[in-house]
């Protein structure tokens, strides 16, 4: 009985090792958690930026292709006009 009471008193005096480790880890990692949150937000913003840029790039590429086709048509029509004008001069 005395031994049981003394063991209870000793275990009450000794702190739980998990509490010590968790407190030290939480105080050490708390600044890092804020940093990880900031990095996560920055990565999400960058991914959204890349998606928007890809969409705009696709639209720009399609417009450039359409302009190239229009220029080709104009060039063909100008060549036809030049040929007909040269025939009329002869």
N, C-alpha and C. Protein backbone atom coordinates (compact mmCIF):
# COMPACT_ATOMS: atom_id res chain seq x y z
N UNK A 1 0.80 -1.19 0.00
CA UNK A 1 0.00 0.00 0.00
C UNK A 1 0.85 1.26 0.00
N UNK A 2 1.86 1.25 0.83
CA UNK A 2 2.76 2.40 0.88
C UNK A 2 3.52 2.51 -0.44
N UNK A 3 3.91 1.38 -0.97
CA UNK A 3 4.62 1.38 -2.25
C UNK A 3 3.72 1.89 -3.36
N UNK A 4 2.46 1.50 -3.34
CA UNK A 4 1.50 1.94 -4.36
C UNK A 4 1.28 3.45 -4.27
N UNK A 5 1.15 4.00 -3.07
CA UNK A 5 0.98 5.44 -2.89
C UNK A 5 2.23 6.20 -3.31
N UNK A 6 3.38 5.65 -2.98
CA UNK A 6 4.62 6.33 -3.35
C UNK A 6 4.81 6.33 -4.87
N UNK A 7 4.43 5.24 -5.56
CA UNK A 7 4.52 5.21 -7.02
C UNK A 7 3.57 6.22 -7.66
N UNK A 8 2.40 6.37 -7.08
CA UNK A 8 1.44 7.34 -7.58
C UNK A 8 1.98 8.75 -7.42
N UNK A 9 2.59 9.03 -6.29
CA UNK A 9 3.16 10.35 -6.05
C UNK A 9 4.33 10.62 -6.98
N UNK A 10 5.14 9.62 -7.25
CA UNK A 10 6.28 9.79 -8.14
C UNK A 10 5.81 10.04 -9.59
N UNK A 11 4.81 9.29 -10.02
CA UNK A 11 4.32 9.48 -11.39
C UNK A 11 3.64 10.83 -11.55
N UNK A 12 3.08 11.37 -10.48
CA UNK A 12 2.50 12.71 -10.56
C UNK A 12 3.58 13.78 -10.65
N UNK A 13 4.73 13.51 -10.09
CA UNK A 13 5.83 14.48 -10.14
C UNK A 13 6.55 14.48 -11.49
N UNK A 14 6.61 13.31 -12.12
CA UNK A 14 7.30 13.20 -13.41
C UNK A 14 6.32 13.61 -14.52
N UNK A 15 6.69 14.59 -15.32
CA UNK A 15 5.78 15.00 -16.40
C UNK A 15 5.73 13.93 -17.50
N UNK A 16 4.66 13.94 -18.21
CA UNK A 16 4.47 12.99 -19.31
C UNK A 16 5.43 13.36 -20.45
N UNK A 17 6.24 12.40 -20.91
CA UNK A 17 7.20 12.71 -21.98
C UNK A 17 6.53 13.19 -23.27
N UNK A 18 5.34 12.69 -23.56
CA UNK A 18 4.63 13.13 -24.76
C UNK A 18 4.24 14.59 -24.68
N UNK A 19 3.88 15.05 -23.48
CA UNK A 19 3.55 16.46 -23.30
C UNK A 19 4.77 17.34 -23.54
N UNK A 20 5.90 16.88 -23.04
CA UNK A 20 7.14 17.65 -23.22
C UNK A 20 7.50 17.73 -24.69
N UNK A 21 7.44 16.60 -25.38
CA UNK A 21 7.80 16.55 -26.81
C UNK A 21 6.80 17.36 -27.63
N UNK A 22 5.51 17.21 -27.34
CA UNK A 22 4.51 17.93 -28.13
C UNK A 22 4.62 19.43 -27.92
N UNK A 23 4.90 19.88 -26.70
CA UNK A 23 5.06 21.31 -26.45
C UNK A 23 6.29 21.85 -27.16
N UNK A 24 7.39 21.11 -27.10
CA UNK A 24 8.61 21.60 -27.73
C UNK A 24 8.49 21.59 -29.25
N UNK A 25 7.82 20.57 -29.77
CA UNK A 25 7.63 20.49 -31.22
C UNK A 25 6.68 21.59 -31.68
N UNK A 26 5.63 21.82 -30.93
CA UNK A 26 4.66 22.84 -31.35
C UNK A 26 5.28 24.23 -31.30
N UNK A 27 6.12 24.52 -30.30
CA UNK A 27 6.76 25.83 -30.25
C UNK A 27 7.81 25.97 -31.34
N UNK A 28 8.44 24.87 -31.72
CA UNK A 28 9.44 24.92 -32.77
C UNK A 28 8.79 25.02 -34.15
N UNK A 29 7.71 24.31 -34.36
CA UNK A 29 7.11 24.25 -35.68
C UNK A 29 6.05 25.32 -35.94
N UNK A 30 5.64 26.06 -34.94
CA UNK A 30 4.60 27.06 -35.16
C UNK A 30 5.02 28.14 -36.16
N UNK A 31 6.25 28.65 -36.12
CA UNK A 31 6.63 29.60 -37.18
C UNK A 31 6.69 28.93 -38.56
N UNK A 32 7.09 27.67 -38.59
CA UNK A 32 7.15 26.97 -39.86
C UNK A 32 5.76 26.71 -40.43
N UNK A 33 4.78 26.49 -39.58
CA UNK A 33 3.42 26.27 -40.06
C UNK A 33 2.90 27.52 -40.76
N UNK A 34 3.18 28.67 -40.22
CA UNK A 34 2.78 29.92 -40.88
C UNK A 34 3.48 30.08 -42.22
N UNK A 35 4.75 29.70 -42.25
CA UNK A 35 5.51 29.77 -43.49
C UNK A 35 4.94 28.80 -44.53
N UNK A 36 4.60 27.59 -44.09
CA UNK A 36 4.02 26.62 -45.02
C UNK A 36 2.67 27.08 -45.55
N UNK A 37 1.87 27.73 -44.70
CA UNK A 37 0.59 28.26 -45.16
C UNK A 37 0.81 29.34 -46.22
N UNK A 38 1.78 30.22 -45.98
CA UNK A 38 2.06 31.29 -46.93
C UNK A 38 2.56 30.72 -48.25
N UNK A 39 3.41 29.71 -48.18
CA UNK A 39 3.91 29.07 -49.40
C UNK A 39 2.77 28.39 -50.14
N UNK A 40 1.88 27.74 -49.42
CA UNK A 40 0.73 27.09 -50.04
C UNK A 40 -0.17 28.08 -50.76
N UNK A 41 -0.41 29.22 -50.14
CA UNK A 41 -1.23 30.26 -50.78
C UNK A 41 -0.54 30.78 -52.02
N UNK A 42 0.78 31.00 -51.93
CA UNK A 42 1.52 31.49 -53.08
C UNK A 42 1.48 30.49 -54.23
N UNK A 43 1.59 29.21 -53.92
CA UNK A 43 1.54 28.17 -54.96
C UNK A 43 0.17 28.14 -55.62
N UNK A 44 -0.90 28.27 -54.83
CA UNK A 44 -2.25 28.28 -55.40
C UNK A 44 -2.45 29.49 -56.31
N UNK A 45 -1.97 30.65 -55.88
CA UNK A 45 -2.09 31.85 -56.72
C UNK A 45 -1.31 31.66 -58.01
N UNK A 46 -0.14 31.07 -57.94
CA UNK A 46 0.68 30.84 -59.13
C UNK A 46 0.01 29.86 -60.08
N UNK A 47 -0.61 28.82 -59.55
CA UNK A 47 -1.31 27.85 -60.40
C UNK A 47 -2.49 28.52 -61.11
N UNK A 48 -3.23 29.36 -60.39
CA UNK A 48 -4.34 30.09 -61.01
C UNK A 48 -3.81 31.01 -62.09
N UNK A 49 -2.68 31.67 -61.82
CA UNK A 49 -2.06 32.54 -62.82
C UNK A 49 -1.66 31.75 -64.06
N UNK A 50 -1.10 30.57 -63.89
CA UNK A 50 -0.70 29.75 -65.04
C UNK A 50 -1.91 29.31 -65.86
N UNK A 51 -3.00 28.98 -65.20
CA UNK A 51 -4.21 28.56 -65.91
C UNK A 51 -4.76 29.73 -66.74
N UNK A 52 -4.82 30.90 -66.15
CA UNK A 52 -5.31 32.08 -66.88
C UNK A 52 -4.39 32.41 -68.04
N UNK A 53 -3.08 32.34 -67.80
CA UNK A 53 -2.12 32.64 -68.88
C UNK A 53 -2.22 31.64 -70.01
N UNK A 54 -2.45 30.38 -69.69
CA UNK A 54 -2.60 29.36 -70.74
C UNK A 54 -3.85 29.63 -71.56
N UNK A 55 -4.95 30.00 -70.91
CA UNK A 55 -6.18 30.32 -71.62
C UNK A 55 -5.98 31.50 -72.56
N UNK A 56 -5.34 32.55 -72.06
CA UNK A 56 -5.10 33.73 -72.91
C UNK A 56 -4.13 33.41 -74.03
N UNK A 57 -3.17 32.56 -73.78
CA UNK A 57 -2.22 32.17 -74.82
C UNK A 57 -2.91 31.40 -75.93
N UNK A 58 -3.83 30.53 -75.58
CA UNK A 58 -4.57 29.76 -76.59
C UNK A 58 -5.40 30.71 -77.45
N UNK A 59 -6.05 31.67 -76.80
CA UNK A 59 -6.86 32.64 -77.56
C UNK A 59 -5.98 33.46 -78.48
N UNK A 60 -4.83 33.88 -78.01
CA UNK A 60 -3.91 34.67 -78.84
C UNK A 60 -3.41 33.86 -80.02
N UNK A 61 -3.09 32.61 -79.78
CA UNK A 61 -2.61 31.74 -80.87
C UNK A 61 -3.68 31.57 -81.93
N UNK A 62 -4.92 31.37 -81.51
CA UNK A 62 -6.01 31.23 -82.47
C UNK A 62 -6.21 32.51 -83.28
N UNK A 63 -6.09 33.66 -82.63
CA UNK A 63 -6.22 34.94 -83.35
C UNK A 63 -5.09 35.11 -84.35
N UNK A 64 -3.89 34.75 -83.97
CA UNK A 64 -2.75 34.88 -84.89
C UNK A 64 -2.93 33.97 -86.10
N UNK A 65 -3.42 32.77 -85.89
CA UNK A 65 -3.67 31.86 -87.02
C UNK A 65 -4.72 32.45 -87.96
N UNK A 66 -5.77 33.04 -87.39
CA UNK A 66 -6.81 33.65 -88.23
C UNK A 66 -6.25 34.84 -89.00
N UNK A 67 -5.43 35.64 -88.37
CA UNK A 67 -4.80 36.77 -89.06
C UNK A 67 -3.90 36.28 -90.17
N UNK A 68 -3.16 35.20 -89.93
CA UNK A 68 -2.28 34.64 -90.96
C UNK A 68 -3.09 34.17 -92.16
N UNK A 69 -4.23 33.54 -91.91
CA UNK A 69 -5.10 33.11 -93.02
C UNK A 69 -5.65 34.32 -93.79
N UNK A 70 -6.03 35.37 -93.08
CA UNK A 70 -6.54 36.57 -93.73
C UNK A 70 -5.46 37.23 -94.59
N UNK A 71 -4.25 37.29 -94.07
CA UNK A 71 -3.14 37.88 -94.83
C UNK A 71 -2.85 37.06 -96.08
N UNK A 72 -2.93 35.74 -95.97
CA UNK A 72 -2.71 34.88 -97.13
C UNK A 72 -3.78 35.13 -98.19
N UNK A 73 -5.03 35.25 -97.76
CA UNK A 73 -6.11 35.55 -98.71
C UNK A 73 -5.89 36.90 -99.40
N UNK A 74 -5.50 37.90 -98.63
CA UNK A 74 -5.24 39.22 -99.20
C UNK A 74 -4.09 39.15 -100.19
N UNK A 75 -3.04 38.41 -99.84
CA UNK A 75 -1.89 38.28 -100.73
C UNK A 75 -2.29 37.60 -102.04
N UNK A 76 -3.10 36.56 -101.95
CA UNK A 76 -3.57 35.88 -103.17
C UNK A 76 -4.40 36.83 -104.04
N UNK A 77 -5.26 37.60 -103.45
CA UNK A 77 -6.09 38.54 -104.21
C UNK A 77 -5.25 39.64 -104.84
N UNK A 78 -4.24 40.12 -104.14
CA UNK A 78 -3.35 41.14 -104.69
C UNK A 78 -2.57 40.56 -105.87
N UNK A 79 -2.12 39.32 -105.75
CA UNK A 79 -1.40 38.69 -106.86
C UNK A 79 -2.31 38.55 -108.08
N UNK A 80 -3.56 38.19 -107.87
CA UNK A 80 -4.51 38.09 -108.99
C UNK A 80 -4.70 39.46 -109.63
N UNK A 81 -4.82 40.51 -108.84
CA UNK A 81 -4.97 41.86 -109.38
C UNK A 81 -3.73 42.30 -110.16
N UNK A 82 -2.56 41.97 -109.65
CA UNK A 82 -1.31 42.33 -110.34
C UNK A 82 -1.23 41.62 -111.69
N UNK A 83 -1.58 40.33 -111.71
CA UNK A 83 -1.53 39.57 -112.96
C UNK A 83 -2.53 40.12 -113.98
N UNK A 84 -3.74 40.45 -113.52
CA UNK A 84 -4.73 40.99 -114.45
C UNK A 84 -4.33 42.38 -114.93
N UNK A 85 -3.66 43.15 -114.09
CA UNK A 85 -3.22 44.47 -114.49
C UNK A 85 -2.09 44.38 -115.52
N UNK A 86 -1.21 43.40 -115.35
CA UNK A 86 -0.12 43.21 -116.32
C UNK A 86 -0.66 42.76 -117.66
N UNK A 87 -1.71 41.94 -117.67
CA UNK A 87 -2.33 41.50 -118.93
C UNK A 87 -2.99 42.66 -119.65
N UNK A 88 -3.60 43.56 -118.89
CA UNK A 88 -4.26 44.70 -119.50
C UNK A 88 -3.25 45.67 -120.13
N UNK A 89 -2.05 45.74 -119.60
CA UNK A 89 -1.03 46.65 -120.14
C UNK A 89 -0.48 46.14 -121.46
N UNK A 90 -0.50 44.86 -121.69
CA UNK A 90 0.08 44.30 -122.91
C UNK A 90 -0.79 44.47 -124.04
